[in-house]
């Protein structure tokens, strides 16, 4: 079972690496209907780079969320 804390730690370790990929506009933590947590990777489009994203990291599930209309991408430097 993936706890919120474990996924937050996973996000902290991988956010910068993921956000540096062209297709990725955001990385977050989401709770599933069954009470588990997943790392959510938000995409602006379905560019070829999106196909290279992992379905799991360190044995924890990753949820890919495509938003064709686009997300507003924030710089890692603006997150506090």
Protein backbone atom coordinates (compact mmCIF):
# COMPACT_ATOMS: atom_id res chain seq x y z
CA UNK A 1 0.00 0.00 0.00
CA UNK A 2 1.36 3.38 -0.99
CA UNK A 3 0.94 5.90 1.80
CA UNK A 4 0.70 9.63 1.24
CA UNK A 5 4.07 10.17 2.93
CA UNK A 6 5.84 7.60 0.72
CA UNK A 7 4.44 9.15 -2.45
CA UNK A 8 5.34 12.67 -1.26
CA UNK A 9 8.92 11.48 -0.74
CA UNK A 10 8.88 9.91 -4.20
CA UNK A 11 7.62 13.20 -5.64
CA UNK A 12 10.40 15.10 -3.89
CA UNK A 13 13.04 12.76 -5.36
CA UNK A 14 11.73 12.72 -8.95
CA UNK A 15 9.87 16.02 -9.55
CA UNK A 16 12.78 17.97 -10.99
CA UNK A 17 13.80 15.12 -13.30
CA UNK A 18 10.21 14.68 -14.52
CA UNK A 19 9.50 18.41 -14.90
CA UNK A 20 12.56 18.77 -17.12
CA UNK A 21 10.88 16.55 -19.71
CA UNK A 22 9.15 18.49 -22.48
CA UNK A 23 5.75 16.77 -22.22
CA UNK A 24 5.45 17.06 -18.42
CA UNK A 25 3.72 20.11 -17.00
CA UNK A 26 3.18 18.98 -13.43
CA UNK A 27 3.83 16.32 -10.81
CA UNK A 28 1.50 15.70 -7.90
CA UNK A 29 0.18 13.27 -5.33
CA UNK A 30 -3.33 11.86 -5.75
CA UNK A 31 -5.46 9.56 -3.65
CA UNK A 32 -7.17 6.70 -5.48
CA UNK A 33 -10.71 5.46 -4.87
CA UNK A 34 -9.33 2.54 -2.86
CA UNK A 35 -7.41 4.82 -0.48
CA UNK A 36 -3.94 4.37 -1.93
CA UNK A 37 -1.78 7.20 -3.18
CA UNK A 38 -0.12 7.54 -6.58
CA UNK A 39 2.37 9.89 -8.16
CA UNK A 40 0.44 11.83 -10.81
CA UNK A 41 2.30 13.11 -13.87
CA UNK A 42 0.40 15.78 -15.80
CA UNK A 43 1.03 16.12 -19.53
CA UNK A 44 0.19 19.00 -21.86
CA UNK A 45 -0.04 16.80 -24.90
CA UNK A 46 0.65 13.34 -26.24
CA UNK A 47 4.10 14.07 -27.65
CA UNK A 48 6.50 11.16 -28.23
CA UNK A 49 8.32 12.04 -24.99
CA UNK A 50 5.18 11.06 -23.07
CA UNK A 51 5.57 7.47 -24.24
CA UNK A 52 8.86 7.24 -22.36
CA UNK A 53 7.36 8.05 -18.95
CA UNK A 54 7.38 5.28 -16.33
CA UNK A 55 4.26 3.42 -15.19
CA UNK A 56 5.90 3.03 -11.79
CA UNK A 57 8.84 4.44 -9.83
CA UNK A 58 10.57 2.48 -7.08
CA UNK A 59 7.70 -0.05 -7.28
CA UNK A 60 5.08 2.66 -6.62
CA UNK A 61 2.35 3.33 -9.19
CA UNK A 62 2.40 6.36 -11.47
CA UNK A 63 -0.75 7.85 -12.97
CA UNK A 64 -0.35 9.66 -16.30
CA UNK A 65 -2.89 12.45 -16.82
CA UNK A 66 -3.12 14.01 -20.26
CA UNK A 67 -4.64 17.45 -20.61
CA UNK A 68 -4.93 18.33 -24.31
CA UNK A 69 -6.08 21.86 -23.47
CA UNK A 70 -2.88 22.28 -21.50
CA UNK A 71 -1.83 22.98 -17.95
CA UNK A 72 0.03 26.03 -16.78
CA UNK A 73 3.58 24.81 -16.12
CA UNK A 74 5.29 26.28 -13.10
CA UNK A 75 9.05 26.48 -12.80
CA UNK A 76 10.58 24.30 -10.09
CA UNK A 77 12.22 27.49 -8.85
CA UNK A 78 8.84 29.12 -8.10
CA UNK A 79 7.66 26.23 -5.88
CA UNK A 80 8.25 26.95 -2.23
